[in-house]
Each structure stands twice: as C-alpha cells, then as structure tokens.
C-alpha atoms as a PDB file:
ATOM      1  CA  MET A   1      36.152 129.210 170.467  1.00  0.00           C
ATOM      2  CA  PHE A   2      37.220 128.994 166.842  1.00  0.00           C
ATOM      3  CA  ALA A   3      37.967 131.992 164.634  1.00  0.00           C
ATOM      4  CA  GLU A   4      38.859 132.306 160.959  1.00  0.00           C
ATOM      5  CA  LEU A   5      42.105 134.297 160.725  1.00  0.00           C
ATOM      6  CA  ALA A   6      42.660 134.129 156.958  1.00  0.00           C
ATOM      7  CA  GLY A   7      43.229 137.596 155.549  1.00  0.00           C
ATOM      8  CA  LEU A   8      43.496 139.339 158.919  1.00  0.00           C
ATOM      9  CA  THR A   9      47.270 139.614 158.854  1.00  0.00           C
ATOM     10  CA  ASP A  10      50.276 138.332 156.989  1.00  0.00           C
ATOM     11  CA  LYS A  11      52.612 138.720 159.979  1.00  0.00           C
ATOM     12  CA  GLY A  12      51.745 135.851 162.283  1.00  0.00           C
ATOM     13  CA  VAL A  13      48.776 134.861 164.389  1.00  0.00           C
ATOM     14  CA  PRO A  14      47.490 135.741 167.889  1.00  0.00           C
ATOM     15  CA  ASP A  15      49.599 134.638 170.846  1.00  0.00           C
ATOM     16  CA  GLY A  16      48.745 135.667 174.435  1.00  0.00           C
ATOM     17  CA  MET A  17      45.049 135.772 175.388  1.00  0.00           C
ATOM     18  CA  LYS A  18      42.854 137.338 178.063  1.00  0.00           C
ATOM     19  CA  VAL A  19      39.067 137.383 178.574  1.00  0.00           C
ATOM     20  CA  ASP A  20      36.690 140.171 179.635  1.00  0.00           C
ATOM     21  CA  VAL A  21      33.579 139.801 181.823  1.00  0.00           C
ATOM     22  CA  LYS A  22      31.355 139.307 178.741  1.00  0.00           C
ATOM     23  CA  GLY A  23      33.507 136.437 177.509  1.00  0.00           C
ATOM     24  CA  ASN A  24      35.199 138.368 174.695  1.00  0.00           C
ATOM     25  CA  ILE A  25      38.724 137.177 173.966  1.00  0.00           C
ATOM     26  CA  TYR A  26      41.646 139.609 173.612  1.00  0.00           C
ATOM     27  CA  CYS A  27      44.523 138.124 171.599  1.00  0.00           C
ATOM     28  CA  SER A  28      47.967 139.688 171.338  1.00  0.00           C
ATOM     29  CA  GLY A  29      49.693 139.474 167.987  1.00  0.00           C
ATOM     30  CA  SER A  30      51.256 141.323 165.118  1.00  0.00           C
ATOM     31  CA  GLY A  31      50.076 144.930 164.987  1.00  0.00           C
ATOM     32  CA  GLY A  32      47.991 144.933 168.130  1.00  0.00           C
ATOM     33  CA  ILE A  33      45.219 143.269 170.096  1.00  0.00           C
ATOM     34  CA  TRP A  34      42.465 141.395 168.273  1.00  0.00           C
ATOM     35  CA  ILE A  35      39.132 141.195 170.096  1.00  0.00           C
ATOM     36  CA  PHE A  36      36.866 138.223 169.341  1.00  0.00           C
ATOM     37  CA  SER A  37      33.365 137.428 170.585  1.00  0.00           C
ATOM     38  CA  PRO A  38      32.820 134.106 172.374  1.00  0.00           C
ATOM     39  CA  THR A  39      31.520 132.763 169.025  1.00  0.00           C
ATOM     40  CA  GLY A  40      34.730 133.697 167.178  1.00  0.00           C
ATOM     41  CA  GLN A  41      33.552 136.852 165.395  1.00  0.00           C
ATOM     42  CA  LEU A  42      36.201 139.582 165.114  1.00  0.00           C
ATOM     43  CA  LEU A  43      34.744 142.543 167.034  1.00  0.00           C
ATOM     44  CA  ASN A  44      37.579 145.038 166.936  1.00  0.00           C
ATOM     45  CA  LYS A  45      41.326 145.537 166.878  1.00  0.00           C
ATOM     46  CA  ILE A  46      43.437 147.803 169.070  1.00  0.00           C
ATOM     47  CA  ALA A  47      46.293 148.970 166.855  1.00  0.00           C
ATOM     48  CA  VAL A  48      49.767 149.046 168.395  1.00  0.00           C
ATOM     49  CA  PRO A  49      52.795 150.269 166.400  1.00  0.00           C
ATOM     50  CA  GLN A  50      54.917 147.261 167.422  1.00  0.00           C
ATOM     51  CA  SER A  51      54.400 143.513 167.492  1.00  0.00           C
ATOM     52  CA  VAL A  52      52.559 142.729 170.736  1.00  0.00           C
ATOM     53  CA  THR A  53      54.039 140.069 173.000  1.00  0.00           C
ATOM     54  CA  ASN A  54      51.480 139.896 175.827  1.00  0.00           C
ATOM     55  CA  LEU A  55      48.697 141.698 177.663  1.00  0.00           C
ATOM     56  CA  ALA A  56      47.281 141.936 181.190  1.00  0.00           C
ATOM     57  CA  TRP A  57      44.298 143.503 182.937  1.00  0.00           C
ATOM     58  CA  GLY A  58      45.067 146.009 185.676  1.00  0.00           C
ATOM     59  CA  ASP A  59      43.961 148.769 188.039  1.00  0.00           C
ATOM     60  CA  LYS A  60      41.435 148.155 190.813  1.00  0.00           C
ATOM     61  CA  ASP A  61      38.485 147.914 188.409  1.00  0.00           C
ATOM     62  CA  TYR A  62      40.358 145.768 185.852  1.00  0.00           C
ATOM     63  CA  LYS A  63      39.361 148.173 183.046  1.00  0.00           C
ATOM     64  CA  THR A  64      42.931 149.020 182.038  1.00  0.00           C
ATOM     65  CA  LEU A  65      44.643 146.787 179.519  1.00  0.00           C
ATOM     66  CA  TYR A  66      48.446 146.751 179.737  1.00  0.00           C
ATOM     67  CA  ILE A  67      50.202 145.710 176.538  1.00  0.00           C
ATOM     68  CA  THR A  68      53.842 144.676 176.148  1.00  0.00           C
ATOM     69  CA  ALA A  69      55.416 145.086 172.726  1.00  0.00           C
ATOM     70  CA  GLY A  70      58.986 145.181 171.439  1.00  0.00           C
ATOM     71  CA  ASN A  71      60.677 147.681 173.738  1.00  0.00           C
ATOM     72  CA  SER A  72      57.526 149.412 175.030  1.00  0.00           C
ATOM     73  CA  ILE A  73      54.608 149.015 177.419  1.00  0.00           C
ATOM     74  CA  TYR A  74      51.254 150.529 176.454  1.00  0.00           C
ATOM     75  CA  ARG A  75      48.053 150.949 178.423  1.00  0.00           C
ATOM     76  CA  ILE A  76      44.516 151.651 177.361  1.00  0.00           C
ATOM     77  CA  ARG A  77      41.370 152.251 179.414  1.00  0.00           C
ATOM     78  CA  LEU A  78      38.361 150.227 178.311  1.00  0.00           C
ATOM     79  CA  ASN A  79      34.651 150.416 179.127  1.00  0.00           C
ATOM     80  CA  ILE A  80      34.582 146.759 180.120  1.00  0.00           C
ATOM     81  CA  ALA A  81      36.473 144.925 182.855  1.00  0.00           C
ATOM     82  CA  GLY A  82      38.685 141.933 182.401  1.00  0.00           C
ATOM     83  CA  ILE A  83      38.245 138.736 184.359  1.00  0.00           C
ATOM     84  CA  LYS A  84      40.308 138.787 187.545  1.00  0.00           C
ATOM     85  CA  PRO A  85      42.533 135.820 188.401  1.00  0.00           C
ATOM     86  CA  GLY A  86      40.422 133.144 190.061  1.00  0.00           C
ATOM     87  CA  GLN A  87      37.178 134.763 188.897  1.00  0.00           C
ATOM     88  CA  ASN A  88      34.904 132.676 186.691  1.00  0.00           C
ATOM     89  CA  ASN A  89      31.637 134.380 185.873  1.00  0.00           C
ATOM     90  CA  LEU A  90      31.240 133.184 182.301  1.00  0.00           C
END
C-alpha cells in the first residue's frame, strides 16, 4: 500500500501499524491514528491529544483499539474488528 502524506501533518509520519478485517490500515503518529484504505486513501483520523507511539486491538471481539501515547493509554470501541494474531483473512 502506498499513501500520499504531503499536507497531512507537519509533525512526523505514521509509525506503528495494525490492520482491520476489511484490510484498512491504522497508523499511529503525531496527533492520533490515521486510517487508510487498502488502496492508500485516507479514510479517517482518530484524534488523540498526544503523539501516539503504538496501538493494539483488544477485547474478545477485537473491536477495541488501545492506543499508547506520551504518558497515557487510550481506548476506543470501533464498529469493525481488527485482525487477530495469526489470522489472515485478507
């Protein structure tokens, strides 16, 4: 997947990445989580008040996204599940 990041932020680029069951890519970076389609289109951004360092799917249904940032941990429930370790249904 390739994505054009010019103009999205002036404070760095995405770092850690996770994928949901539809193949969308969640990238941690400055100001939050950037969500890209499998074709590289920016779909959405989850704003976080600190620079995000990493992210992980959790809970039994894998619909909770845990986000580490600065000195905090955030969580957000989503309507889509993340891919579980060892799962490959793309």
